[in-house]
């Protein structure tokens, strides 16, 4: 099954990056302002989408790894893995994989581009602490 795989360098500590991807405040600061997150899962709302997309937390290792499983919407049956790797020179490398897409179709291509644009926001927020959500 096709997967999206990317990585980026972020000049922030592992805990800051983990907080940005795993908490309501963090997600609202770079991704979508209509998000909620807790130890069990995330709900992400988007403009023009009738119901939030739900993700179940499969694995959570603070400062190191977060794995989320899509439960509804177009991410149903997919799995997102965030790996946070501390770099010896400082900062982290964030490795991201979104796996389980049924085909390389238009939706897959849209999500590939979408993640690249959203991670620009994540990097900026983690490095500066200044919220700049992609979806308001």
Protein backbone atom coordinates (compact mmCIF):
# COMPACT_ATOMS: atom_id res chain seq x y z
CA UNK A 1 0.00 0.00 0.00
CA UNK A 2 1.31 3.48 -0.79
CA UNK A 3 2.73 5.64 1.95
CA UNK A 4 3.84 9.21 2.32
CA UNK A 5 7.30 9.53 3.88
CA UNK A 6 9.15 12.72 4.70
CA UNK A 7 11.48 14.22 7.23
CA UNK A 8 12.51 17.67 8.32
CA UNK A 9 15.03 19.28 10.62
CA UNK A 10 13.52 21.36 13.41
CA UNK A 11 15.58 23.60 15.65
CA UNK A 12 13.68 22.71 18.82
CA UNK A 13 13.96 20.15 21.59
CA UNK A 14 12.14 16.79 21.36
CA UNK A 15 9.58 17.70 24.03
CA UNK A 16 8.55 20.90 22.19
CA UNK A 17 8.01 18.98 18.95
CA UNK A 18 6.12 16.19 20.72
CA UNK A 19 3.85 18.72 22.45
CA UNK A 20 3.14 20.36 19.08
CA UNK A 21 1.94 17.09 17.53
CA UNK A 22 0.19 15.53 20.53
CA UNK A 23 -1.74 18.22 22.42
CA UNK A 24 -4.79 20.32 21.66
CA UNK A 25 -2.88 23.59 22.07
CA UNK A 26 0.01 22.33 19.95
CA UNK A 27 -2.13 21.07 17.06
CA UNK A 28 -4.23 24.25 17.10
CA UNK A 29 -1.03 26.29 16.77
CA UNK A 30 0.15 24.87 13.43
CA UNK A 31 -2.54 22.66 11.87
CA UNK A 32 -6.19 23.39 12.57
CA UNK A 33 -7.84 25.56 15.23
CA UNK A 34 -10.71 23.09 15.51
CA UNK A 35 -8.68 20.25 17.00
CA UNK A 36 -8.81 18.36 20.26
CA UNK A 37 -6.29 15.83 21.49
CA UNK A 38 -5.87 13.64 24.54
CA UNK A 39 -4.15 10.38 25.45
CA UNK A 40 -6.81 8.38 23.57
CA UNK A 41 -6.97 10.24 20.30
CA UNK A 42 -7.31 13.36 18.21
CA UNK A 43 -10.24 15.01 16.45
CA UNK A 44 -9.43 17.39 13.62
CA UNK A 45 -12.00 19.73 12.12
CA UNK A 46 -11.52 21.41 8.75
CA UNK A 47 -13.42 24.20 6.96
CA UNK A 48 -16.23 22.80 4.83
CA UNK A 49 -15.90 19.26 6.22
CA UNK A 50 -19.12 18.14 7.97
CA UNK A 51 -17.57 16.08 10.76
CA UNK A 52 -14.15 15.99 12.43
CA UNK A 53 -11.65 13.34 11.39
CA UNK A 54 -10.88 11.03 14.31
CA UNK A 55 -7.49 9.46 14.99
CA UNK A 56 -6.85 6.90 17.71
CA UNK A 57 -3.54 6.97 19.58
CA UNK A 58 -1.88 3.59 18.95
CA UNK A 59 1.47 4.39 20.53
CA UNK A 60 2.77 7.38 22.47
CA UNK A 61 6.31 7.78 23.76
CA UNK A 62 6.69 11.42 24.83
CA UNK A 63 9.54 13.21 23.15
CA UNK A 64 10.18 10.28 20.81
CA UNK A 65 7.25 8.74 18.95
CA UNK A 66 3.54 9.10 18.25
CA UNK A 67 1.45 6.71 16.15
CA UNK A 68 -2.14 7.56 15.16
CA UNK A 69 -4.71 5.39 13.34
CA UNK A 70 -7.38 7.00 11.16
CA UNK A 71 -10.89 6.00 12.18
CA UNK A 72 -13.12 7.94 9.79
CA UNK A 73 -13.08 10.21 6.76
CA UNK A 74 -10.46 9.81 4.06
CA UNK A 75 -7.83 8.67 6.58
CA UNK A 76 -9.83 5.57 7.56
CA UNK A 77 -7.47 2.61 7.73
CA UNK A 78 -4.31 4.72 7.47
CA UNK A 79 -1.64 5.15 10.11
CA UNK A 80 0.51 8.18 10.86
CA UNK A 81 3.87 7.71 12.56
CA UNK A 82 5.89 10.62 13.91
CA UNK A 83 9.44 9.79 15.02
CA UNK A 84 11.42 12.49 16.81
CA UNK A 85 15.17 11.93 16.66
CA UNK A 86 17.45 14.21 18.68
CA UNK A 87 20.44 15.44 16.67
CA UNK A 88 23.88 15.60 18.36
CA UNK A 89 24.35 19.18 17.17
CA UNK A 90 20.97 20.20 18.64
CA UNK A 91 17.43 20.22 17.40
CA UNK A 92 15.63 17.19 16.04
CA UNK A 93 14.86 15.35 12.87
CA UNK A 94 11.15 14.63 12.55
CA UNK A 95 10.47 11.55 10.44
CA UNK A 96 6.88 11.17 9.35
CA UNK A 97 5.14 8.30 7.59
CA UNK A 98 1.47 8.21 6.63
CA UNK A 99 0.84 4.62 5.51
CA UNK A 100 -2.06 2.52 4.34
CA UNK A 101 -3.46 4.45 1.39
CA UNK A 102 -5.34 2.14 -0.98
CA UNK A 103 -3.93 3.71 -4.16
CA UNK A 104 -1.83 6.48 -5.61
CA UNK A 105 -4.83 8.53 -6.68
CA UNK A 106 -5.82 12.19 -6.54
CA UNK A 107 -6.56 12.06 -2.80
CA UNK A 108 -3.14 10.52 -2.10
CA UNK A 109 -1.45 13.22 -4.17
CA UNK A 110 -3.43 15.94 -2.35
CA UNK A 111 -2.41 14.54 1.05
CA UNK A 112 1.24 14.33 0.01
CA UNK A 113 1.26 18.01 -0.92
CA UNK A 114 -0.87 18.83 2.12
CA UNK A 115 1.54 17.30 4.62
CA UNK A 116 4.47 19.16 3.05
CA UNK A 117 2.68 22.49 3.45
CA UNK A 118 1.49 21.74 7.00
CA UNK A 119 4.96 20.72 8.16
CA UNK A 120 6.24 24.17 7.17
CA UNK A 121 3.78 25.51 9.75
CA UNK A 122 4.82 22.88 12.33
CA UNK A 123 8.51 23.75 11.92
CA UNK A 124 7.83 27.47 12.32
CA UNK A 125 5.67 26.98 15.41
CA UNK A 126 8.11 24.58 17.12
CA UNK A 127 11.04 26.90 16.46
CA UNK A 128 9.41 30.22 17.38
CA UNK A 129 6.50 29.38 19.66
CA UNK A 130 4.33 31.69 17.55
CA UNK A 131 1.03 30.08 16.50
CA UNK A 132 0.29 30.11 12.77
CA UNK A 133 -2.39 27.46 12.10
CA UNK A 134 -2.96 26.45 8.51
CA UNK A 135 -6.74 26.09 8.98
CA UNK A 136 -8.60 28.68 11.04
